[in-house]
Amino acid sequence: MESIEVTRAVEASPDAVRDVLGELEPFMRASGFDEVDIDGDRIEISKALGLLRISLTLRVYEEDGAALAYEQTDGIFESMVTTYELSERDGHTDVTARTEFTLDAPGGSILDGTVVRRQRRKELAAQLDFLEEQVS
């Protein structure tokens, strides 16, 4: 399993951060997904990535210590879980976004772990940029 983690100090309370995380459609769009469809705890997302179109079906679930957690139920990964954890510190909130994944590449794939890690790090950073803009 491979992992990507991005942490950002946000000048807002944990409650304000949770409110933004709870608005799933704009939060997912902030990472560059151009199609976002939410139905209860199911999220379908897709976006163009070079010549590929990446589509994932995710399920939001409760995870101890996480303000938001979701896992892939259908898509390019054998498994993929993303969590957002909050820690209040000296008047700000540290937000840690972490994705752990295993690629599903029978017979090989043009996506490898390095490409996925680089792309996912950009997506998580973009979400945290959006989060900061929303709470400021």
N, C-alpha and C. Protein backbone atom coordinates (compact mmCIF):
# COMPACT_ATOMS: atom_id res chain seq x y z
N MET A 1 0.85 -1.18 0.00
CA MET A 1 0.00 0.00 0.00
C MET A 1 0.89 1.23 0.00
N GLU A 2 0.51 2.22 -0.80
CA GLU A 2 1.25 3.48 -0.88
C GLU A 2 0.44 4.57 -0.18
N SER A 3 1.14 5.64 0.21
CA SER A 3 0.48 6.67 1.00
C SER A 3 0.94 8.07 0.59
N ILE A 4 0.03 9.02 0.66
CA ILE A 4 0.30 10.43 0.43
C ILE A 4 -0.31 11.17 1.61
N GLU A 5 0.43 12.15 2.15
CA GLU A 5 -0.10 12.93 3.27
C GLU A 5 0.26 14.39 3.07
N VAL A 6 -0.72 15.26 3.28
CA VAL A 6 -0.52 16.71 3.20
C VAL A 6 -1.14 17.31 4.45
N THR A 7 -0.38 18.17 5.15
CA THR A 7 -0.88 18.82 6.36
C THR A 7 -0.80 20.33 6.17
N ARG A 8 -1.83 21.01 6.65
CA ARG A 8 -1.88 22.47 6.54
C ARG A 8 -2.45 23.03 7.82
N ALA A 9 -1.85 24.13 8.32
CA ALA A 9 -2.41 24.88 9.45
C ALA A 9 -3.41 25.88 8.88
N VAL A 10 -4.65 25.81 9.34
CA VAL A 10 -5.72 26.66 8.86
C VAL A 10 -6.16 27.56 10.00
N GLU A 11 -6.25 28.85 9.74
CA GLU A 11 -6.64 29.82 10.75
C GLU A 11 -8.15 29.81 10.94
N ALA A 12 -8.65 28.74 11.56
CA ALA A 12 -10.08 28.59 11.80
C ALA A 12 -10.27 27.51 12.86
N SER A 13 -11.46 27.48 13.44
CA SER A 13 -11.78 26.47 14.43
C SER A 13 -12.04 25.13 13.75
N PRO A 14 -11.90 24.02 14.48
CA PRO A 14 -12.24 22.72 13.91
C PRO A 14 -13.69 22.66 13.41
N ASP A 15 -14.62 23.32 14.10
CA ASP A 15 -16.02 23.32 13.66
C ASP A 15 -16.18 24.00 12.30
N ALA A 16 -15.48 25.12 12.09
CA ALA A 16 -15.55 25.81 10.80
C ALA A 16 -14.97 24.94 9.69
N VAL A 17 -13.89 24.24 10.00
CA VAL A 17 -13.28 23.33 9.02
C VAL A 17 -14.23 22.18 8.71
N ARG A 18 -14.85 21.60 9.72
CA ARG A 18 -15.81 20.50 9.51
C ARG A 18 -16.97 20.94 8.61
N ASP A 19 -17.42 22.18 8.80
CA ASP A 19 -18.51 22.69 7.97
C ASP A 19 -18.13 22.68 6.49
N VAL A 20 -16.90 23.09 6.16
CA VAL A 20 -16.46 23.08 4.77
C VAL A 20 -16.30 21.65 4.26
N LEU A 21 -15.74 20.77 5.09
CA LEU A 21 -15.59 19.36 4.69
C LEU A 21 -16.95 18.71 4.43
N GLY A 22 -17.97 19.18 5.12
CA GLY A 22 -19.31 18.62 4.97
C GLY A 22 -19.99 19.01 3.66
N GLU A 23 -19.50 20.03 3.00
CA GLU A 23 -20.01 20.45 1.69
C GLU A 23 -19.24 19.68 0.63
N LEU A 24 -19.61 18.41 0.43
CA LEU A 24 -18.81 17.49 -0.38
C LEU A 24 -18.65 17.90 -1.84
N GLU A 25 -19.70 18.39 -2.47
CA GLU A 25 -19.58 18.69 -3.90
C GLU A 25 -18.52 19.75 -4.18
N PRO A 26 -18.59 20.94 -3.57
CA PRO A 26 -17.54 21.92 -3.87
C PRO A 26 -16.16 21.47 -3.38
N PHE A 27 -16.11 20.72 -2.29
CA PHE A 27 -14.83 20.25 -1.78
C PHE A 27 -14.18 19.27 -2.76
N MET A 28 -14.96 18.37 -3.34
CA MET A 28 -14.42 17.42 -4.32
C MET A 28 -14.06 18.15 -5.62
N ARG A 29 -14.86 19.09 -6.03
CA ARG A 29 -14.55 19.87 -7.24
C ARG A 29 -13.25 20.65 -7.07
N ALA A 30 -12.95 21.07 -5.86
CA ALA A 30 -11.73 21.84 -5.59
C ALA A 30 -10.47 21.06 -5.95
N SER A 31 -10.55 19.75 -5.94
CA SER A 31 -9.38 18.94 -6.27
C SER A 31 -9.27 18.68 -7.77
N GLY A 32 -10.18 19.28 -8.56
CA GLY A 32 -10.07 19.18 -10.00
C GLY A 32 -11.03 18.22 -10.65
N PHE A 33 -11.90 17.58 -9.87
CA PHE A 33 -12.89 16.69 -10.48
C PHE A 33 -13.98 17.55 -11.10
N ASP A 34 -14.24 17.32 -12.39
CA ASP A 34 -15.22 18.16 -13.08
C ASP A 34 -16.62 17.57 -13.06
N GLU A 35 -16.74 16.30 -12.72
CA GLU A 35 -18.06 15.69 -12.54
C GLU A 35 -18.14 15.13 -11.13
N VAL A 36 -19.11 15.61 -10.38
CA VAL A 36 -19.32 15.16 -9.00
C VAL A 36 -20.80 14.91 -8.82
N ASP A 37 -21.16 13.68 -8.46
CA ASP A 37 -22.55 13.32 -8.22
C ASP A 37 -22.63 12.67 -6.85
N ILE A 38 -23.45 13.24 -5.97
CA ILE A 38 -23.56 12.74 -4.60
C ILE A 38 -24.96 12.22 -4.36
N ASP A 39 -25.04 11.02 -3.80
CA ASP A 39 -26.31 10.40 -3.46
C ASP A 39 -26.13 9.72 -2.10
N GLY A 40 -26.55 10.42 -1.04
CA GLY A 40 -26.36 9.89 0.31
C GLY A 40 -24.88 9.81 0.63
N ASP A 41 -24.40 8.59 0.97
CA ASP A 41 -22.99 8.42 1.30
C ASP A 41 -22.17 7.97 0.09
N ARG A 42 -22.77 7.99 -1.10
CA ARG A 42 -22.07 7.60 -2.33
C ARG A 42 -21.70 8.85 -3.13
N ILE A 43 -20.44 8.88 -3.59
CA ILE A 43 -19.95 9.98 -4.42
C ILE A 43 -19.38 9.38 -5.70
N GLU A 44 -19.84 9.87 -6.84
CA GLU A 44 -19.24 9.49 -8.11
C GLU A 44 -18.51 10.71 -8.65
N ILE A 45 -17.22 10.52 -8.95
CA ILE A 45 -16.40 11.63 -9.44
C ILE A 45 -15.64 11.19 -10.69
N SER A 46 -15.34 12.17 -11.54
CA SER A 46 -14.49 11.87 -12.69
C SER A 46 -13.82 13.14 -13.17
N LYS A 47 -12.69 12.94 -13.87
CA LYS A 47 -11.96 14.05 -14.46
C LYS A 47 -11.00 13.52 -15.50
N ALA A 48 -10.63 14.42 -16.41
CA ALA A 48 -9.63 14.08 -17.42
C ALA A 48 -8.25 14.20 -16.78
N LEU A 49 -7.41 13.23 -17.05
CA LEU A 49 -6.03 13.24 -16.58
C LEU A 49 -5.17 12.89 -17.79
N GLY A 50 -4.73 13.93 -18.49
CA GLY A 50 -4.02 13.70 -19.74
C GLY A 50 -4.99 13.10 -20.75
N LEU A 51 -4.62 11.97 -21.33
CA LEU A 51 -5.47 11.30 -22.31
C LEU A 51 -6.50 10.38 -21.65
N LEU A 52 -6.37 10.18 -20.34
CA LEU A 52 -7.28 9.30 -19.62
C LEU A 52 -8.44 10.07 -19.00
N ARG A 53 -9.53 9.39 -18.77
CA ARG A 53 -10.62 9.91 -17.97
C ARG A 53 -10.70 9.01 -16.75
N ILE A 54 -10.47 9.56 -15.59
CA ILE A 54 -10.49 8.80 -14.34
C ILE A 54 -11.88 8.94 -13.72
N SER A 55 -12.52 7.82 -13.44
CA SER A 55 -13.83 7.81 -12.78
C SER A 55 -13.75 6.91 -11.56
N LEU A 56 -14.27 7.40 -10.45
CA LEU A 56 -14.27 6.65 -9.20
C LEU A 56 -15.65 6.72 -8.55
N THR A 57 -16.03 5.66 -7.90
CA THR A 57 -17.19 5.67 -7.02
C THR A 57 -16.64 5.53 -5.61
N LEU A 58 -17.04 6.44 -4.73
CA LEU A 58 -16.55 6.48 -3.35
C LEU A 58 -17.71 6.30 -2.39
N ARG A 59 -17.39 5.84 -1.20
CA ARG A 59 -18.37 5.71 -0.13
C ARG A 59 -17.84 6.44 1.08
N VAL A 60 -18.62 7.40 1.59
CA VAL A 60 -18.26 8.12 2.82
C VAL A 60 -18.59 7.20 3.99
N TYR A 61 -17.69 7.14 4.96
CA TYR A 61 -17.92 6.30 6.13
C TYR A 61 -17.35 6.97 7.38
N GLU A 62 -17.75 6.48 8.53
CA GLU A 62 -17.27 6.99 9.82
C GLU A 62 -15.94 6.32 10.15
N GLU A 63 -14.96 7.14 10.52
CA GLU A 63 -13.63 6.64 10.91
C GLU A 63 -13.24 7.36 12.19
N ASP A 64 -12.86 6.61 13.23
CA ASP A 64 -12.43 7.24 14.47
C ASP A 64 -11.32 8.24 14.21
N GLY A 65 -11.49 9.45 14.73
CA GLY A 65 -10.47 10.47 14.61
C GLY A 65 -10.50 11.26 13.31
N ALA A 66 -11.36 10.89 12.37
CA ALA A 66 -11.41 11.58 11.09
C ALA A 66 -12.65 12.47 11.00
N ALA A 67 -12.47 13.68 10.49
CA ALA A 67 -13.60 14.58 10.25
C ALA A 67 -14.34 14.17 8.98
N LEU A 68 -13.61 13.53 8.06
CA LEU A 68 -14.18 13.02 6.82
C LEU A 68 -13.36 11.82 6.39
N ALA A 69 -14.03 10.77 5.95
CA ALA A 69 -13.33 9.58 5.43
C ALA A 69 -14.16 9.01 4.28
N TYR A 70 -13.45 8.58 3.23
CA TYR A 70 -14.13 7.90 2.14
C TYR A 70 -13.21 6.86 1.53
N GLU A 71 -13.85 5.84 0.93
CA GLU A 71 -13.10 4.77 0.29
C GLU A 71 -13.67 4.52 -1.10
N GLN A 72 -12.81 4.06 -1.99
CA GLN A 72 -13.26 3.72 -3.33
C GLN A 72 -14.01 2.40 -3.28
N THR A 73 -15.16 2.36 -3.94
CA THR A 73 -15.88 1.10 -4.10
C THR A 73 -15.82 0.61 -5.54
N ASP A 74 -15.48 1.52 -6.48
CA ASP A 74 -15.31 1.14 -7.87
C ASP A 74 -14.38 2.14 -8.53
N GLY A 75 -13.41 1.65 -9.30
CA GLY A 75 -12.49 2.56 -9.98
C GLY A 75 -11.17 1.91 -10.31
N ILE A 76 -10.13 2.72 -10.44
CA ILE A 76 -8.83 2.27 -10.92
C ILE A 76 -7.96 1.62 -9.85
N PHE A 77 -8.35 1.72 -8.61
CA PHE A 77 -7.53 1.20 -7.52
C PHE A 77 -8.03 -0.16 -7.06
N GLU A 78 -7.10 -0.97 -6.58
CA GLU A 78 -7.51 -2.18 -5.88
C GLU A 78 -8.15 -1.77 -4.57
N SER A 79 -7.52 -0.78 -3.92
CA SER A 79 -8.12 -0.16 -2.73
C SER A 79 -7.62 1.27 -2.64
N MET A 80 -8.46 2.15 -2.08
CA MET A 80 -8.09 3.55 -1.88
C MET A 80 -8.96 4.13 -0.78
N VAL A 81 -8.31 4.70 0.23
CA VAL A 81 -8.99 5.31 1.36
C VAL A 81 -8.38 6.69 1.58
N THR A 82 -9.24 7.69 1.81
CA THR A 82 -8.77 9.04 2.12
C THR A 82 -9.43 9.49 3.41
N THR A 83 -8.63 10.07 4.30
CA THR A 83 -9.14 10.61 5.57
C THR A 83 -8.63 12.04 5.75
N TYR A 84 -9.42 12.82 6.47
CA TYR A 84 -9.07 14.20 6.83
C TYR A 84 -9.19 14.29 8.35
N GLU A 85 -8.06 14.52 9.01
CA GLU A 85 -8.03 14.60 10.46
C GLU A 85 -7.73 16.02 10.90
N LEU A 86 -8.35 16.43 11.99
CA LEU A 86 -8.21 17.80 12.50
C LEU A 86 -7.58 17.78 13.88
N SER A 87 -6.66 18.73 14.13
CA SER A 87 -6.06 18.91 15.45
C SER A 87 -6.03 20.40 15.75
N GLU A 88 -6.64 20.79 16.86
CA GLU A 88 -6.65 22.21 17.24
C GLU A 88 -5.33 22.54 17.93
N ARG A 89 -4.70 23.64 17.48
CA ARG A 89 -3.41 24.04 18.05
C ARG A 89 -3.31 25.58 18.08
N ASP A 90 -3.12 26.13 19.24
CA ASP A 90 -2.83 27.56 19.39
C ASP A 90 -3.66 28.47 18.48
N GLY A 91 -4.97 28.30 18.47
CA GLY A 91 -5.84 29.18 17.72
C GLY A 91 -6.00 28.84 16.25
N HIS A 92 -5.40 27.75 15.80
CA HIS A 92 -5.61 27.30 14.43
C HIS A 92 -5.89 25.80 14.43
N THR A 93 -6.23 25.28 13.27
CA THR A 93 -6.52 23.85 13.14
C THR A 93 -5.55 23.25 12.13
N ASP A 94 -4.82 22.23 12.55
CA ASP A 94 -4.00 21.46 11.62
C ASP A 94 -4.92 20.46 10.92
N VAL A 95 -4.92 20.49 9.60
CA VAL A 95 -5.72 19.58 8.80
C VAL A 95 -4.75 18.64 8.09
N THR A 96 -4.90 17.34 8.34
CA THR A 96 -4.06 16.34 7.69
C THR A 96 -4.93 15.51 6.76
N ALA A 97 -4.63 15.59 5.48
CA ALA A 97 -5.32 14.79 4.46
C ALA A 97 -4.39 13.65 4.08
N ARG A 98 -4.90 12.44 4.14
CA ARG A 98 -4.08 11.26 3.86
C ARG A 98 -4.83 10.31 2.94
N THR A 99 -4.16 9.89 1.87
CA THR A 99 -4.71 8.87 0.98
C THR A 99 -3.77 7.68 0.97
N GLU A 100 -4.33 6.50 1.18
CA GLU A 100 -3.59 5.25 1.07
C GLU A 100 -4.23 4.46 -0.06
N PHE A 101 -3.39 3.88 -0.94
CA PHE A 101 -3.93 3.19 -2.10
C PHE A 101 -3.06 2.02 -2.52
N THR A 102 -3.70 1.11 -3.23
CA THR A 102 -3.04 0.02 -3.92
C THR A 102 -3.60 0.03 -5.33
N LEU A 103 -2.72 0.07 -6.32
CA LEU A 103 -3.17 0.10 -7.71
C LEU A 103 -3.67 -1.26 -8.14
N ASP A 104 -4.67 -1.25 -9.00
CA ASP A 104 -5.22 -2.46 -9.60
C ASP A 104 -4.80 -2.43 -11.06
N ALA A 105 -3.68 -3.10 -11.38
CA ALA A 105 -3.13 -3.00 -12.73
C ALA A 105 -2.83 -4.38 -13.32
N PRO A 106 -3.86 -5.20 -13.55
CA PRO A 106 -3.58 -6.48 -14.18
C PRO A 106 -3.02 -6.26 -15.58
N GLY A 107 -1.88 -6.86 -15.86
CA GLY A 107 -1.27 -6.71 -17.17
C GLY A 107 -0.58 -5.37 -17.36
N GLY A 108 -0.46 -4.58 -16.31
CA GLY A 108 0.23 -3.30 -16.42
C GLY A 108 -0.74 -2.15 -16.64
N SER A 109 -0.27 -0.96 -16.37
CA SER A 109 -1.08 0.24 -16.51
C SER A 109 -0.17 1.40 -16.81
N ILE A 110 -0.68 2.42 -17.49
CA ILE A 110 0.13 3.61 -17.70
C ILE A 110 0.22 4.45 -16.42
N LEU A 111 -0.63 4.13 -15.45
CA LEU A 111 -0.54 4.78 -14.14
C LEU A 111 0.35 3.95 -13.25
N ASP A 112 1.31 4.58 -12.63
CA ASP A 112 2.10 3.88 -11.63
C ASP A 112 2.02 4.67 -10.32
N GLY A 113 2.59 4.10 -9.28
CA GLY A 113 2.50 4.72 -7.97
C GLY A 113 3.05 6.13 -7.92
N THR A 114 4.14 6.39 -8.66
CA THR A 114 4.76 7.72 -8.66
C THR A 114 3.81 8.75 -9.26
N VAL A 115 3.19 8.41 -10.38
CA VAL A 115 2.25 9.32 -11.04
C VAL A 115 1.05 9.58 -10.13
N VAL A 116 0.52 8.52 -9.53
CA VAL A 116 -0.65 8.66 -8.66
C VAL A 116 -0.30 9.51 -7.44
N ARG A 117 0.85 9.25 -6.81
CA ARG A 117 1.24 10.05 -5.64
C ARG A 117 1.37 11.53 -5.99
N ARG A 118 2.02 11.84 -7.11
CA ARG A 118 2.21 13.23 -7.53
C ARG A 118 0.85 13.89 -7.79
N GLN A 119 -0.02 13.21 -8.53
CA GLN A 119 -1.34 13.75 -8.85
C GLN A 119 -2.19 13.93 -7.59
N ARG A 120 -2.17 12.93 -6.73
CA ARG A 120 -3.00 13.00 -5.52
C ARG A 120 -2.51 14.09 -4.59
N ARG A 121 -1.20 14.29 -4.50
CA ARG A 121 -0.66 15.36 -3.65
C ARG A 121 -1.18 16.72 -4.15
N LYS A 122 -1.22 16.93 -5.48
CA LYS A 122 -1.76 18.17 -6.05
C LYS A 122 -3.24 18.32 -5.70
N GLU A 123 -3.99 17.23 -5.81
CA GLU A 123 -5.43 17.28 -5.51
C GLU A 123 -5.69 17.63 -4.05
N LEU A 124 -4.95 16.99 -3.15
CA LEU A 124 -5.14 17.26 -1.72
C LEU A 124 -4.74 18.70 -1.39
N ALA A 125 -3.63 19.18 -1.96
CA ALA A 125 -3.20 20.57 -1.73
C ALA A 125 -4.26 21.54 -2.24
N ALA A 126 -4.86 21.26 -3.39
CA ALA A 126 -5.91 22.13 -3.93
C ALA A 126 -7.13 22.14 -3.01
N GLN A 127 -7.48 21.00 -2.44
CA GLN A 127 -8.60 20.96 -1.50
C GLN A 127 -8.29 21.79 -0.26
N LEU A 128 -7.05 21.71 0.24
CA LEU A 128 -6.69 22.49 1.42
C LEU A 128 -6.63 23.98 1.10
N ASP A 129 -6.23 24.35 -0.13
CA ASP A 129 -6.29 25.76 -0.56
C ASP A 129 -7.74 26.24 -0.50
N PHE A 130 -8.65 25.43 -1.05
CA PHE A 130 -10.08 25.76 -1.06
C PHE A 130 -10.59 25.91 0.37
N LEU A 131 -10.20 24.99 1.23
CA LEU A 131 -10.62 25.01 2.62
C LEU A 131 -10.19 26.32 3.28
N GLU A 132 -8.93 26.70 3.08
CA GLU A 132 -8.44 27.96 3.65
C GLU A 132 -9.24 29.17 3.13
N GLU A 133 -9.53 29.18 1.82
CA GLU A 133 -10.30 30.30 1.25
C GLU A 133 -11.70 30.37 1.86
N GLN A 134 -12.32 29.23 2.11
CA GLN A 134 -13.69 29.20 2.61
C GLN A 134 -13.80 29.65 4.07
N VAL A 135 -12.78 29.40 4.86
CA VAL A 135 -12.87 29.74 6.29
C VAL A 135 -12.27 31.09 6.61
N SER A 136 -11.62 31.73 5.65
CA SER A 136 -10.99 33.03 5.94
C SER A 136 -11.96 34.18 5.76
